[in-house]
Amino acid sequence: MKGKTAAIKFNKKIYPAKEIQKAIADFKQLASFSLSENKSYRIVKISDVMAQEDKLIGNEFSNYALSLIKH
């Protein structure tokens, strides 16, 4: 993902903003993140990924954000 930006959409009905923000804070040493929203989704853009994390970061970030949701 070096030089590229990936975007992950999180449904607002499932993913609270607090958990997305925590996931961003916890992953900040691995890449650059920005958060935006539209009517239905929280959108996380990931860029400047460390080389060794390039292929996994999107999936790992999504899994981690899901794990933060309190049931």
Protein backbone atom coordinates (compact mmCIF):
# COMPACT_ATOMS: atom_id res chain seq x y z
CA MET A 1 0.00 0.00 0.00
CA LYS A 2 3.05 2.22 -0.14
CA GLY A 3 2.12 5.40 -1.97
CA LYS A 4 -1.51 4.29 -2.12
CA THR A 5 -4.50 5.06 0.04
CA ALA A 6 -7.06 2.44 1.05
CA ALA A 7 -10.50 3.25 2.40
CA ILE A 8 -12.53 1.07 4.73
CA LYS A 9 -16.22 1.78 5.29
CA PHE A 10 -17.71 0.95 8.70
CA ASN A 11 -21.49 0.92 9.03
CA LYS A 12 -22.56 3.46 11.68
CA LYS A 13 -25.26 1.10 12.97
CA ILE A 14 -22.60 -1.42 13.92
CA TYR A 15 -19.39 0.54 14.60
CA PRO A 16 -19.51 3.34 17.21
CA ALA A 17 -17.22 6.31 16.56
CA LYS A 18 -15.44 5.78 19.88
CA GLU A 19 -14.22 2.30 18.87
CA ILE A 20 -13.07 3.44 15.43
CA GLN A 21 -11.12 6.31 17.02
CA LYS A 22 -9.51 3.90 19.51
CA ALA A 23 -8.50 1.54 16.71
CA ILE A 24 -6.92 4.47 14.84
CA ALA A 25 -5.01 5.53 17.96
CA ASP A 26 -3.81 1.97 18.58
CA PHE A 27 -2.63 1.48 14.97
CA LYS A 28 -1.12 4.94 14.45
CA GLN A 29 2.47 3.65 14.62
CA LEU A 30 1.84 1.44 11.57
CA ALA A 31 0.30 3.93 9.12
CA SER A 32 -1.45 7.27 8.68
CA PHE A 33 -5.20 7.33 9.23
CA SER A 34 -7.97 9.82 8.57
CA LEU A 35 -11.62 9.49 9.57
CA SER A 36 -14.62 10.94 7.78
CA GLU A 37 -18.33 10.16 7.75
CA ASN A 38 -21.30 10.20 5.48
CA LYS A 39 -24.94 9.44 6.27
CA SER A 40 -24.42 5.70 6.77
CA TYR A 41 -20.71 5.04 7.16
CA ARG A 42 -17.57 6.01 9.04
CA ILE A 43 -14.80 5.98 6.46
CA VAL A 44 -11.20 5.33 7.48
CA LYS A 45 -8.51 6.15 4.93
CA ILE A 46 -5.19 4.39 5.46
CA SER A 47 -1.95 5.58 3.86
CA ASP A 48 1.82 5.57 4.43
CA VAL A 49 1.76 1.98 5.66
CA MET A 50 4.99 0.53 7.02
CA ALA A 51 6.38 -1.89 4.41
CA GLN A 52 6.12 -5.03 6.52
CA GLU A 53 2.46 -4.30 7.33
CA ASP A 54 1.45 -3.46 3.77
CA LYS A 55 -0.68 -6.48 2.86
CA LEU A 56 -2.39 -7.08 6.20
CA ILE A 57 -3.18 -3.73 7.73
CA GLY A 58 -6.66 -3.22 6.24
CA ASN A 59 -7.91 -6.61 7.40
CA GLU A 60 -6.20 -6.44 10.77
CA PHE A 61 -7.51 -2.91 11.41
CA SER A 62 -11.07 -3.99 10.56
CA ASN A 63 -10.85 -7.06 12.79
CA TYR A 64 -9.46 -5.01 15.66
CA ALA A 65 -12.19 -2.36 15.34
CA LEU A 66 -14.81 -5.13 15.44
CA SER A 67 -13.23 -6.62 18.55
CA LEU A 68 -13.59 -3.28 20.38
CA ILE A 69 -17.38 -3.25 20.10
CA LYS A 70 -19.07 -4.08 23.39
CA HIS A 71 -21.91 -6.56 23.03
